[in-house]
Amino acid sequence: RVSLGPADRAAPPKRADRATQAPPLRRRAIAGFTLIEMLLTITIIGTLSAIAVPKLQEVRRRAVAVQLISDVDVVRAAVYGFYTDSGYFPLEVGSGSIPTNLSPYLPLAYSFQKKDWTIDYDIYASKAAWKYTTTGMVVGITVTTSDPRMGAMAMNMFGNQPAYTVGTKYTFVIAGM
């Protein structure tokens, strides 16, 4: 190798003053979320709510149906108590009204009109009923509701008891079958 001497060599780079030197490239820690993280979170929450909300509605509907069946059982027990004491069934009145003389057999401040349904006490008496019943009448409790799914659920929960449906009216037969 041949040395060319100090004149042939390139001069070393000059060092810049620290005040004029650019800061080294470093990643700064940024507080917050990226757009992708936000979209992923919103998608997960949306999926979970799409699963949970219908289940929650079904649980609420089932709870209301249980209350409805409980009310039917309360009225049935009151009607049987009245029949046991008097020897006849209470006379029928309009929908949402408590039959005459049945109030003492019902819980205090009991109402036939609820938030989700209305109760109607019915007596079906006909000559045809004499062929099939000992009393010649069929006694039922009709519940009218605006939620047909809740009414159908109540009918299924009622079990093997005689009952029938006409539109949004669900009739539970309590005597005469």
C-alpha atoms as a PDB file:
ATOM      1  CA  ARG A   1       0.000   0.000   0.000  1.00  0.00           C
ATOM      2  CA  VAL A   2       1.173   3.370  -0.793  1.00  0.00           C
ATOM      3  CA  SER A   3       0.560   6.218   1.571  1.00  0.00           C
ATOM      4  CA  LEU A   4      -0.382   9.382  -0.137  1.00  0.00           C
ATOM      5  CA  GLY A   5       0.237  11.552   2.855  1.00  0.00           C
ATOM      6  CA  PRO A   6      -1.869  13.909   4.900  1.00  0.00           C
ATOM      7  CA  ALA A   7      -2.966  16.018   2.009  1.00  0.00           C
ATOM      8  CA  ASP A   8      -4.545  13.108   0.191  1.00  0.00           C
ATOM      9  CA  ARG A   9      -6.732  11.999   3.038  1.00  0.00           C
ATOM     10  CA  ALA A  10     -10.231  13.256   3.523  1.00  0.00           C
ATOM     11  CA  ALA A  11     -10.691  15.519   6.476  1.00  0.00           C
ATOM     12  CA  PRO A  12     -12.656  14.037   9.358  1.00  0.00           C
ATOM     13  CA  PRO A  13     -16.188  15.395   9.746  1.00  0.00           C
ATOM     14  CA  LYS A  14     -16.504  18.298  12.105  1.00  0.00           C
ATOM     15  CA  ARG A  15     -18.536  17.764  15.232  1.00  0.00           C
ATOM     16  CA  ALA A  16     -21.582  19.943  15.523  1.00  0.00           C
ATOM     17  CA  ASP A  17     -22.304  21.901  18.579  1.00  0.00           C
ATOM     18  CA  ARG A  18     -24.758  20.101  20.919  1.00  0.00           C
ATOM     19  CA  ALA A  19     -27.151  23.013  20.766  1.00  0.00           C
ATOM     20  CA  THR A  20     -27.439  22.747  16.984  1.00  0.00           C
ATOM     21  CA  GLN A  21     -27.408  18.954  16.847  1.00  0.00           C
ATOM     22  CA  ALA A  22     -30.723  17.237  15.974  1.00  0.00           C
ATOM     23  CA  PRO A  23     -32.144  14.977  18.697  1.00  0.00           C
ATOM     24  CA  PRO A  24     -31.740  11.240  18.125  1.00  0.00           C
ATOM     25  CA  LEU A  25     -34.731   9.502  16.519  1.00  0.00           C
ATOM     26  CA  ARG A  26     -36.630   7.751  19.276  1.00  0.00           C
ATOM     27  CA  ARG A  27     -40.224   6.556  19.614  1.00  0.00           C
ATOM     28  CA  ARG A  28     -42.157   8.635  22.037  1.00  0.00           C
ATOM     29  CA  ALA A  29     -44.693   6.953  24.303  1.00  0.00           C
ATOM     30  CA  ILE A  30     -48.114   8.226  23.175  1.00  0.00           C
ATOM     31  CA  ALA A  31     -50.985   8.219  25.651  1.00  0.00           C
ATOM     32  CA  GLY A  32     -54.275   6.995  24.148  1.00  0.00           C
ATOM     33  CA  PHE A  33     -55.576   4.341  21.755  1.00  0.00           C
ATOM     34  CA  THR A  34     -55.096   3.821  18.074  1.00  0.00           C
ATOM     35  CA  LEU A  35     -58.026   3.803  15.689  1.00  0.00           C
ATOM     36  CA  ILE A  36     -57.677   0.041  15.173  1.00  0.00           C
ATOM     37  CA  GLU A  37     -57.834  -0.594  18.928  1.00  0.00           C
ATOM     38  CA  MET A  38     -60.959   1.543  19.236  1.00  0.00           C
ATOM     39  CA  LEU A  39     -62.686  -0.186  16.298  1.00  0.00           C
ATOM     40  CA  LEU A  40     -61.836  -3.617  17.671  1.00  0.00           C
ATOM     41  CA  THR A  41     -63.212  -2.694  21.103  1.00  0.00           C
ATOM     42  CA  ILE A  42     -66.428  -1.319  19.612  1.00  0.00           C
ATOM     43  CA  THR A  43     -66.850  -4.471  17.493  1.00  0.00           C
ATOM     44  CA  ILE A  44     -66.404  -6.748  20.511  1.00  0.00           C
ATOM     45  CA  ILE A  45     -68.869  -4.737  22.609  1.00  0.00           C
ATOM     46  CA  GLY A  46     -71.387  -4.730  19.753  1.00  0.00           C
ATOM     47  CA  THR A  47     -71.114  -8.498  19.317  1.00  0.00           C
ATOM     48  CA  LEU A  48     -71.535  -9.155  23.033  1.00  0.00           C
ATOM     49  CA  SER A  49     -74.568  -6.860  23.250  1.00  0.00           C
ATOM     50  CA  ALA A  50     -76.121  -8.528  20.191  1.00  0.00           C
ATOM     51  CA  ILE A  51     -75.940 -11.798  22.104  1.00  0.00           C
ATOM     52  CA  ALA A  52     -76.845 -10.495  25.563  1.00  0.00           C
ATOM     53  CA  VAL A  53     -79.808  -8.194  24.838  1.00  0.00           C
ATOM     54  CA  PRO A  54     -82.126 -10.890  23.366  1.00  0.00           C
ATOM     55  CA  LYS A  55     -81.236 -13.224  26.244  1.00  0.00           C
ATOM     56  CA  LEU A  56     -82.000 -10.480  28.739  1.00  0.00           C
ATOM     57  CA  GLN A  57     -85.362  -9.836  27.076  1.00  0.00           C
ATOM     58  CA  GLU A  58     -86.169 -13.545  27.216  1.00  0.00           C
ATOM     59  CA  VAL A  59     -85.282 -13.721  30.915  1.00  0.00           C
ATOM     60  CA  ARG A  60     -87.483 -10.689  31.612  1.00  0.00           C
ATOM     61  CA  ARG A  61     -90.322 -12.197  29.569  1.00  0.00           C
ATOM     62  CA  ARG A  62     -90.007 -15.474  31.500  1.00  0.00           C
ATOM     63  CA  ALA A  63     -90.118 -13.599  34.828  1.00  0.00           C
ATOM     64  CA  VAL A  64     -93.261 -11.730  33.762  1.00  0.00           C
ATOM     65  CA  ALA A  65     -94.834 -15.021  32.604  1.00  0.00           C
ATOM     66  CA  VAL A  66     -94.124 -16.514  36.038  1.00  0.00           C
ATOM     67  CA  GLN A  67     -95.857 -13.510  37.651  1.00  0.00           C
ATOM     68  CA  LEU A  68     -98.816 -13.991  35.302  1.00  0.00           C
ATOM     69  CA  ILE A  69     -99.139 -17.685  36.225  1.00  0.00           C
ATOM     70  CA  SER A  70     -98.855 -16.714  39.888  1.00  0.00           C
ATOM     71  CA  ASP A  71    -101.718 -14.237  39.459  1.00  0.00           C
ATOM     72  CA  VAL A  72    -103.836 -16.902  37.753  1.00  0.00           C
ATOM     73  CA  ASP A  73    -103.162 -19.228  40.710  1.00  0.00           C
ATOM     74  CA  VAL A  74    -104.117 -16.479  43.191  1.00  0.00           C
ATOM     75  CA  VAL A  75    -107.431 -15.889  41.418  1.00  0.00           C
ATOM     76  CA  ARG A  76    -108.045 -19.645  41.100  1.00  0.00           C
ATOM     77  CA  ALA A  77    -107.498 -20.124  44.853  1.00  0.00           C
ATOM     78  CA  ALA A  78    -109.818 -17.182  45.595  1.00  0.00           C
ATOM     79  CA  VAL A  79    -112.542 -18.572  43.307  1.00  0.00           C
ATOM     80  CA  TYR A  80    -112.286 -22.020  44.922  1.00  0.00           C
ATOM     81  CA  GLY A  81    -112.389 -20.436  48.390  1.00  0.00           C
ATOM     82  CA  PHE A  82    -115.512 -18.487  47.447  1.00  0.00           C
ATOM     83  CA  TYR A  83    -117.108 -21.610  45.926  1.00  0.00           C
ATOM     84  CA  THR A  84    -116.320 -23.659  49.044  1.00  0.00           C
ATOM     85  CA  ASP A  85    -117.896 -21.061  51.335  1.00  0.00           C
ATOM     86  CA  SER A  86    -120.952 -20.183  49.221  1.00  0.00           C
ATOM     87  CA  GLY A  87    -121.648 -23.221  47.039  1.00  0.00           C
ATOM     88  CA  TYR A  88    -121.627 -21.233  43.779  1.00  0.00           C
ATOM     89  CA  PHE A  89    -119.109 -19.395  41.646  1.00  0.00           C
ATOM     90  CA  PRO A  90    -118.883 -15.585  41.717  1.00  0.00           C
ATOM     91  CA  LEU A  91    -120.825 -13.815  39.005  1.00  0.00           C
ATOM     92  CA  GLU A  92    -118.922 -12.621  35.975  1.00  0.00           C
ATOM     93  CA  VAL A  93    -118.005  -8.946  35.622  1.00  0.00           C
ATOM     94  CA  GLY A  94    -116.148  -6.963  32.973  1.00  0.00           C
ATOM     95  CA  SER A  95    -112.507  -7.356  32.059  1.00  0.00           C
ATOM     96  CA  GLY A  96    -110.132  -5.905  34.644  1.00  0.00           C
ATOM     97  CA  SER A  97    -112.805  -5.828  37.380  1.00  0.00           C
ATOM     98  CA  ILE A  98    -112.840  -8.024  40.452  1.00  0.00           C
ATOM     99  CA  PRO A  99    -116.050 -10.076  40.738  1.00  0.00           C
ATOM    100  CA  THR A 100    -118.479  -9.143  43.484  1.00  0.00           C
ATOM    101  CA  ASN A 101    -117.776 -10.834  46.823  1.00  0.00           C
ATOM    102  CA  LEU A 102    -114.396 -12.168  45.629  1.00  0.00           C
ATOM    103  CA  SER A 103    -112.299  -9.383  47.213  1.00  0.00           C
ATOM    104  CA  PRO A 104    -112.138 -10.945  50.705  1.00  0.00           C
ATOM    105  CA  TYR A 105    -110.537 -14.037  49.166  1.00  0.00           C
ATOM    106  CA  LEU A 106    -107.845 -12.069  47.321  1.00  0.00           C
ATOM    107  CA  PRO A 107    -104.689 -10.474  48.796  1.00  0.00           C
ATOM    108  CA  LEU A 108    -105.021  -6.927  50.086  1.00  0.00           C
ATOM    109  CA  ALA A 109    -105.021  -4.279  47.301  1.00  0.00           C
ATOM    110  CA  TYR A 110    -105.041  -6.963  44.604  1.00  0.00           C
ATOM    111  CA  SER A 111    -105.874  -5.708  41.115  1.00  0.00           C
ATOM    112  CA  PHE A 112    -106.956  -7.439  37.905  1.00  0.00           C
ATOM    113  CA  GLN A 113    -105.175  -4.750  35.882  1.00  0.00           C
ATOM    114  CA  LYS A 114    -101.410  -5.090  35.777  1.00  0.00           C
ATOM    115  CA  LYS A 115     -98.751  -3.289  33.761  1.00  0.00           C
ATOM    116  CA  ASP A 116     -98.284  -6.131  31.255  1.00  0.00           C
ATOM    117  CA  TRP A 117    -101.712  -7.809  31.316  1.00  0.00           C
ATOM    118  CA  THR A 118    -105.361  -7.586  32.294  1.00  0.00           C
ATOM    119  CA  ILE A 119    -107.259 -10.408  34.010  1.00  0.00           C
ATOM    120  CA  ASP A 120    -110.857 -11.260  33.205  1.00  0.00           C
ATOM    121  CA  TYR A 121    -112.876 -13.771  35.216  1.00  0.00           C
ATOM    122  CA  ASP A 122    -115.210 -15.721  32.907  1.00  0.00           C
ATOM    123  CA  ILE A 123    -118.105 -18.122  33.303  1.00  0.00           C
ATOM    124  CA  TYR A 124    -119.244 -20.042  30.258  1.00  0.00           C
ATOM    125  CA  ALA A 125    -122.645 -21.558  30.894  1.00  0.00           C
ATOM    126  CA  SER A 126    -124.544 -23.340  28.169  1.00  0.00           C
ATOM    127  CA  LYS A 127    -126.751 -26.328  27.597  1.00  0.00           C
ATOM    128  CA  ALA A 128    -123.832 -28.074  25.902  1.00  0.00           C
ATOM    129  CA  ALA A 129    -121.779 -27.681  29.068  1.00  0.00           C
ATOM    130  CA  TRP A 130    -124.325 -29.784  30.989  1.00  0.00           C
ATOM    131  CA  LYS A 131    -123.264 -32.774  28.913  1.00  0.00           C
ATOM    132  CA  TYR A 132    -119.618 -32.466  29.875  1.00  0.00           C
ATOM    133  CA  THR A 133    -119.572 -30.936  33.364  1.00  0.00           C
ATOM    134  CA  THR A 134    -121.375 -31.586  36.606  1.00  0.00           C
ATOM    135  CA  THR A 135    -122.119 -27.896  37.173  1.00  0.00           C
ATOM    136  CA  GLY A 136    -123.165 -27.046  33.625  1.00  0.00           C
ATOM    137  CA  MET A 137    -120.570 -24.292  33.363  1.00  0.00           C
ATOM    138  CA  VAL A 138    -116.931 -23.754  32.639  1.00  0.00           C
ATOM    139  CA  VAL A 139    -115.044 -21.213  34.732  1.00  0.00           C
ATOM    140  CA  GLY A 140    -111.916 -19.614  33.347  1.00  0.00           C
ATOM    141  CA  ILE A 141    -109.485 -16.806  33.847  1.00  0.00           C
ATOM    142  CA  THR A 142    -108.659 -14.902  30.679  1.00  0.00           C
ATOM    143  CA  VAL A 143    -105.472 -12.892  30.489  1.00  0.00           C
ATOM    144  CA  THR A 144    -105.073 -10.262  27.778  1.00  0.00           C
ATOM    145  CA  THR A 145    -101.545  -9.143  27.000  1.00  0.00           C
ATOM    146  CA  SER A 146     -99.864  -7.060  24.318  1.00  0.00           C
ATOM    147  CA  ASP A 147     -96.853  -9.413  24.190  1.00  0.00           C
ATOM    148  CA  PRO A 148     -97.826 -12.617  22.374  1.00  0.00           C
ATOM    149  CA  ARG A 149     -94.473 -14.247  23.125  1.00  0.00           C
ATOM    150  CA  MET A 150     -94.972 -13.732  26.847  1.00  0.00           C
ATOM    151  CA  GLY A 151     -98.513 -15.113  26.593  1.00  0.00           C
ATOM    152  CA  ALA A 152     -97.297 -18.198  24.723  1.00  0.00           C
ATOM    153  CA  MET A 153     -94.560 -18.687  27.316  1.00  0.00           C
ATOM    154  CA  ALA A 154     -97.158 -18.505  30.106  1.00  0.00           C
ATOM    155  CA  MET A 155     -99.335 -21.053  28.292  1.00  0.00           C
ATOM    156  CA  ASN A 156     -96.355 -23.426  28.070  1.00  0.00           C
ATOM    157  CA  MET A 157     -95.539 -22.885  31.747  1.00  0.00           C
ATOM    158  CA  PHE A 158     -99.135 -23.569  32.768  1.00  0.00           C
ATOM    159  CA  GLY A 159     -98.513 -27.261  32.134  1.00  0.00           C
ATOM    160  CA  ASN A 160    -101.167 -29.839  31.322  1.00  0.00           C
ATOM    161  CA  GLN A 161    -104.027 -27.732  32.638  1.00  0.00           C
ATOM    162  CA  PRO A 162    -106.826 -26.987  30.164  1.00  0.00           C
ATOM    163  CA  ALA A 163    -106.215 -23.677  28.438  1.00  0.00           C
ATOM    164  CA  TYR A 164    -106.781 -22.100  25.053  1.00  0.00           C
ATOM    165  CA  THR A 165    -105.733 -19.039  23.090  1.00  0.00           C
ATOM    166  CA  VAL A 166    -107.662 -16.625  20.893  1.00  0.00           C
ATOM    167  CA  GLY A 167    -105.426 -13.871  19.501  1.00  0.00           C
ATOM    168  CA  THR A 168    -103.749 -12.154  22.447  1.00  0.00           C
ATOM    169  CA  LYS A 169    -106.245 -13.585  24.945  1.00  0.00           C
ATOM    170  CA  TYR A 170    -105.092 -16.581  26.931  1.00  0.00           C
ATOM    171  CA  THR A 171    -107.793 -18.433  28.877  1.00  0.00           C
ATOM    172  CA  PHE A 172    -106.915 -20.797  31.714  1.00  0.00           C
ATOM    173  CA  VAL A 173    -109.810 -23.092  32.646  1.00  0.00           C
ATOM    174  CA  ILE A 174    -110.072 -23.508  36.415  1.00  0.00           C
ATOM    175  CA  ALA A 175    -113.329 -25.449  36.809  1.00  0.00           C
ATOM    176  CA  GLY A 176    -115.777 -27.403  34.742  1.00  0.00           C
ATOM    177  CA  MET A 177    -113.558 -29.708  32.712  1.00  0.00           C
END
